[in-house]
Amino acid sequence: MKYRKKPVVIDAIQWKGGNDLTEIKQFAGEAFFCWHIHTDSISIETLEGMINASKGDWIIKGVKGEFYPCKPDIFEATYEPVEEVKQ
């Protein structure tokens, strides 16, 4: 059998590298404090343990509030921008 991934809207931010993680901290909130900065990557505490994100990777907030990195080519093939509905 074949299966299609259910359409899910996610929040994501692209890490552009460097030690200034202000934008990511605002995005991740309290979860930020589980992260560690390295010279050319950041380690993110995920449901599967610590995973490194490199410059250019997307940081995705999952449907249960978890965070994980995604390579740019996979992100582009899997996600597309969604027009936000103003309330």
N, C-alpha and C. Protein backbone atom coordinates (compact mmCIF):
# COMPACT_ATOMS: atom_id res chain seq x y z
N MET A 1 0.84 -1.19 0.00
CA MET A 1 0.00 0.00 0.00
C MET A 1 0.88 1.24 0.00
N LYS A 2 0.33 2.31 -0.51
CA LYS A 2 1.00 3.61 -0.48
C LYS A 2 0.25 4.51 0.48
N TYR A 3 0.98 5.44 1.08
CA TYR A 3 0.38 6.38 2.03
C TYR A 3 0.83 7.80 1.70
N ARG A 4 -0.05 8.74 1.96
CA ARG A 4 0.25 10.16 1.78
C ARG A 4 0.38 10.79 3.17
N LYS A 5 1.37 11.64 3.34
CA LYS A 5 1.54 12.35 4.60
C LYS A 5 0.39 13.32 4.79
N LYS A 6 -0.22 13.30 5.97
CA LYS A 6 -1.33 14.21 6.26
C LYS A 6 -0.82 15.65 6.22
N PRO A 7 -1.64 16.55 5.70
CA PRO A 7 -1.21 17.95 5.70
C PRO A 7 -1.20 18.51 7.12
N VAL A 8 -0.03 18.96 7.54
CA VAL A 8 0.14 19.53 8.86
C VAL A 8 0.86 20.86 8.70
N VAL A 9 0.38 21.88 9.36
CA VAL A 9 1.03 23.18 9.33
C VAL A 9 2.01 23.23 10.49
N ILE A 10 3.27 23.56 10.21
CA ILE A 10 4.31 23.61 11.23
C ILE A 10 4.88 25.02 11.33
N ASP A 11 5.55 25.31 12.43
CA ASP A 11 6.33 26.53 12.57
C ASP A 11 7.78 26.15 12.36
N ALA A 12 8.53 26.99 11.66
CA ALA A 12 9.94 26.70 11.41
C ALA A 12 10.71 28.00 11.25
N ILE A 13 12.01 27.92 11.51
CA ILE A 13 12.92 29.05 11.35
C ILE A 13 14.22 28.50 10.81
N GLN A 14 14.88 29.23 9.94
CA GLN A 14 16.16 28.76 9.39
C GLN A 14 17.30 29.34 10.20
N TRP A 15 18.23 28.45 10.63
CA TRP A 15 19.42 28.91 11.36
C TRP A 15 20.45 29.36 10.35
N LYS A 16 20.88 30.60 10.46
CA LYS A 16 21.80 31.19 9.49
C LYS A 16 23.25 31.10 9.95
N GLY A 17 23.49 30.44 11.07
CA GLY A 17 24.84 30.29 11.59
C GLY A 17 25.19 31.39 12.57
N GLY A 18 26.34 31.27 13.18
CA GLY A 18 26.81 32.28 14.13
C GLY A 18 26.35 31.99 15.55
N ASN A 19 26.88 32.78 16.46
CA ASN A 19 26.59 32.58 17.88
C ASN A 19 25.39 33.35 18.38
N ASP A 20 24.84 34.25 17.58
CA ASP A 20 23.68 35.03 18.02
C ASP A 20 22.42 34.20 17.74
N LEU A 21 21.88 33.61 18.78
CA LEU A 21 20.69 32.77 18.64
C LEU A 21 19.43 33.47 19.15
N THR A 22 19.46 34.81 19.18
CA THR A 22 18.32 35.57 19.70
C THR A 22 17.03 35.21 18.97
N GLU A 23 17.10 35.17 17.64
CA GLU A 23 15.90 34.87 16.84
C GLU A 23 15.38 33.45 17.14
N ILE A 24 16.30 32.50 17.26
CA ILE A 24 15.89 31.12 17.55
C ILE A 24 15.36 31.02 18.97
N LYS A 25 15.97 31.75 19.89
CA LYS A 25 15.49 31.74 21.28
C LYS A 25 14.06 32.26 21.35
N GLN A 26 13.77 33.32 20.60
CA GLN A 26 12.40 33.85 20.56
C GLN A 26 11.44 32.82 19.97
N PHE A 27 11.90 32.10 18.96
CA PHE A 27 11.09 31.09 18.30
C PHE A 27 10.83 29.89 19.22
N ALA A 28 11.87 29.42 19.89
CA ALA A 28 11.78 28.19 20.67
C ALA A 28 11.31 28.40 22.10
N GLY A 29 11.44 29.60 22.63
CA GLY A 29 11.03 29.84 24.00
C GLY A 29 11.89 29.07 24.99
N GLU A 30 11.27 28.51 26.01
CA GLU A 30 11.99 27.80 27.06
C GLU A 30 12.80 26.62 26.54
N ALA A 31 12.38 26.01 25.44
CA ALA A 31 13.08 24.84 24.90
C ALA A 31 14.50 25.20 24.48
N PHE A 32 14.75 26.48 24.24
CA PHE A 32 16.08 26.95 23.83
C PHE A 32 17.16 26.49 24.80
N PHE A 33 16.86 26.41 26.06
CA PHE A 33 17.87 26.13 27.07
C PHE A 33 18.38 24.70 27.03
N CYS A 34 17.81 23.86 26.19
CA CYS A 34 18.30 22.50 25.99
C CYS A 34 19.32 22.46 24.85
N TRP A 35 19.61 23.58 24.24
CA TRP A 35 20.44 23.61 23.05
C TRP A 35 21.86 24.01 23.40
N HIS A 36 22.83 23.56 22.61
CA HIS A 36 24.24 23.86 22.84
C HIS A 36 24.83 24.39 21.54
N ILE A 37 25.62 25.46 21.65
CA ILE A 37 26.25 26.08 20.47
C ILE A 37 27.64 25.48 20.27
N HIS A 38 27.95 25.11 19.04
CA HIS A 38 29.28 24.66 18.65
C HIS A 38 29.81 25.66 17.63
N THR A 39 31.00 25.45 17.15
CA THR A 39 31.61 26.38 16.20
C THR A 39 30.78 26.54 14.93
N ASP A 40 30.35 25.42 14.34
CA ASP A 40 29.62 25.49 13.08
C ASP A 40 28.27 24.76 13.14
N SER A 41 27.80 24.47 14.33
CA SER A 41 26.51 23.79 14.46
C SER A 41 25.92 24.07 15.83
N ILE A 42 24.66 23.73 15.98
CA ILE A 42 24.01 23.76 17.29
C ILE A 42 23.41 22.38 17.54
N SER A 43 23.45 21.94 18.78
CA SER A 43 22.85 20.67 19.16
C SER A 43 21.49 20.95 19.76
N ILE A 44 20.50 20.19 19.31
CA ILE A 44 19.13 20.38 19.75
C ILE A 44 18.66 19.12 20.45
N GLU A 45 18.07 19.27 21.62
CA GLU A 45 17.48 18.14 22.33
C GLU A 45 16.17 17.80 21.64
N THR A 46 16.12 16.61 21.03
CA THR A 46 14.92 16.16 20.33
C THR A 46 14.35 14.95 21.05
N LEU A 47 13.24 14.44 20.58
CA LEU A 47 12.65 13.24 21.16
C LEU A 47 13.56 12.03 20.98
N GLU A 48 14.47 12.09 20.00
CA GLU A 48 15.41 11.00 19.73
C GLU A 48 16.77 11.25 20.36
N GLY A 49 16.92 12.29 21.15
CA GLY A 49 18.20 12.65 21.75
C GLY A 49 18.78 13.89 21.09
N MET A 50 20.06 14.17 21.36
CA MET A 50 20.71 15.36 20.80
C MET A 50 21.00 15.16 19.31
N ILE A 51 20.61 16.14 18.50
CA ILE A 51 20.86 16.11 17.06
C ILE A 51 21.46 17.45 16.67
N ASN A 52 22.50 17.44 15.83
CA ASN A 52 23.15 18.67 15.38
C ASN A 52 22.40 19.29 14.20
N ALA A 53 22.34 20.61 14.20
CA ALA A 53 21.82 21.38 13.07
C ALA A 53 22.98 22.22 12.55
N SER A 54 23.18 22.21 11.26
CA SER A 54 24.25 22.99 10.62
C SER A 54 23.68 24.31 10.10
N LYS A 55 24.59 25.23 9.77
CA LYS A 55 24.20 26.50 9.17
C LYS A 55 23.31 26.22 7.95
N GLY A 56 22.16 26.89 7.88
CA GLY A 56 21.24 26.72 6.76
C GLY A 56 20.12 25.73 7.04
N ASP A 57 20.29 24.88 8.05
CA ASP A 57 19.22 23.93 8.39
C ASP A 57 18.01 24.67 8.96
N TRP A 58 16.87 24.09 8.77
CA TRP A 58 15.63 24.61 9.34
C TRP A 58 15.40 23.95 10.70
N ILE A 59 14.91 24.73 11.66
CA ILE A 59 14.53 24.21 12.96
C ILE A 59 13.01 24.18 12.95
N ILE A 60 12.46 22.99 13.11
CA ILE A 60 11.01 22.80 13.02
C ILE A 60 10.44 22.54 14.40
N LYS A 61 9.32 23.18 14.69
CA LYS A 61 8.57 22.89 15.91
C LYS A 61 7.49 21.89 15.52
N GLY A 62 7.55 20.71 16.09
CA GLY A 62 6.60 19.65 15.76
C GLY A 62 5.22 19.86 16.37
N VAL A 63 4.31 18.99 16.04
CA VAL A 63 2.92 19.13 16.45
C VAL A 63 2.73 18.96 17.96
N LYS A 64 3.71 18.38 18.65
CA LYS A 64 3.62 18.22 20.10
C LYS A 64 4.56 19.18 20.84
N GLY A 65 5.07 20.20 20.12
CA GLY A 65 5.94 21.19 20.73
C GLY A 65 7.41 20.81 20.74
N GLU A 66 7.74 19.68 20.16
CA GLU A 66 9.13 19.24 20.10
C GLU A 66 9.86 19.97 18.97
N PHE A 67 11.19 20.00 19.03
CA PHE A 67 12.00 20.66 18.02
C PHE A 67 12.94 19.66 17.37
N TYR A 68 13.19 19.87 16.10
CA TYR A 68 14.16 19.03 15.39
C TYR A 68 14.65 19.76 14.15
N PRO A 69 15.90 19.46 13.72
CA PRO A 69 16.45 20.11 12.53
C PRO A 69 16.03 19.38 11.25
N CYS A 70 16.06 20.13 10.15
CA CYS A 70 15.72 19.57 8.84
C CYS A 70 16.64 20.21 7.80
N LYS A 71 17.27 19.39 6.97
CA LYS A 71 18.15 19.89 5.92
C LYS A 71 17.34 20.71 4.91
N PRO A 72 17.94 21.77 4.33
CA PRO A 72 17.21 22.66 3.43
C PRO A 72 16.55 21.95 2.24
N ASP A 73 17.22 20.97 1.63
CA ASP A 73 16.62 20.30 0.47
C ASP A 73 15.41 19.46 0.86
N ILE A 74 15.46 18.81 2.01
CA ILE A 74 14.32 18.03 2.50
C ILE A 74 13.17 18.97 2.88
N PHE A 75 13.51 20.09 3.53
CA PHE A 75 12.49 21.07 3.91
C PHE A 75 11.75 21.58 2.68
N GLU A 76 12.52 21.95 1.64
CA GLU A 76 11.93 22.49 0.42
C GLU A 76 11.04 21.46 -0.29
N ALA A 77 11.45 20.19 -0.25
CA ALA A 77 10.65 19.14 -0.90
C ALA A 77 9.40 18.77 -0.11
N THR A 78 9.40 19.05 1.18
CA THR A 78 8.32 18.61 2.06
C THR A 78 7.33 19.72 2.42
N TYR A 79 7.82 20.95 2.53
CA TYR A 79 6.98 22.04 3.03
C TYR A 79 6.86 23.17 2.01
N GLU A 80 5.78 23.91 2.12
CA GLU A 80 5.58 25.11 1.33
C GLU A 80 4.98 26.17 2.24
N PRO A 81 5.21 27.44 1.93
CA PRO A 81 4.66 28.50 2.79
C PRO A 81 3.13 28.45 2.86
N VAL A 82 2.61 28.82 4.01
CA VAL A 82 1.17 28.86 4.24
C VAL A 82 0.80 30.30 4.54
N GLU A 83 -0.25 30.77 3.91
CA GLU A 83 -0.72 32.11 4.19
C GLU A 83 -1.38 32.12 5.56
N GLU A 84 -0.87 32.98 6.44
CA GLU A 84 -1.40 33.04 7.81
C GLU A 84 -2.75 33.74 7.82
N VAL A 85 -3.66 33.20 8.59
CA VAL A 85 -4.99 33.78 8.74
C VAL A 85 -4.95 34.76 9.89
N LYS A 86 -5.33 36.02 9.62
CA LYS A 86 -5.34 37.05 10.68
C LYS A 86 -6.63 36.93 11.47
N GLN A 87 -6.46 37.03 12.77
CA GLN A 87 -7.65 36.90 13.65
C GLN A 87 -8.06 38.22 14.21
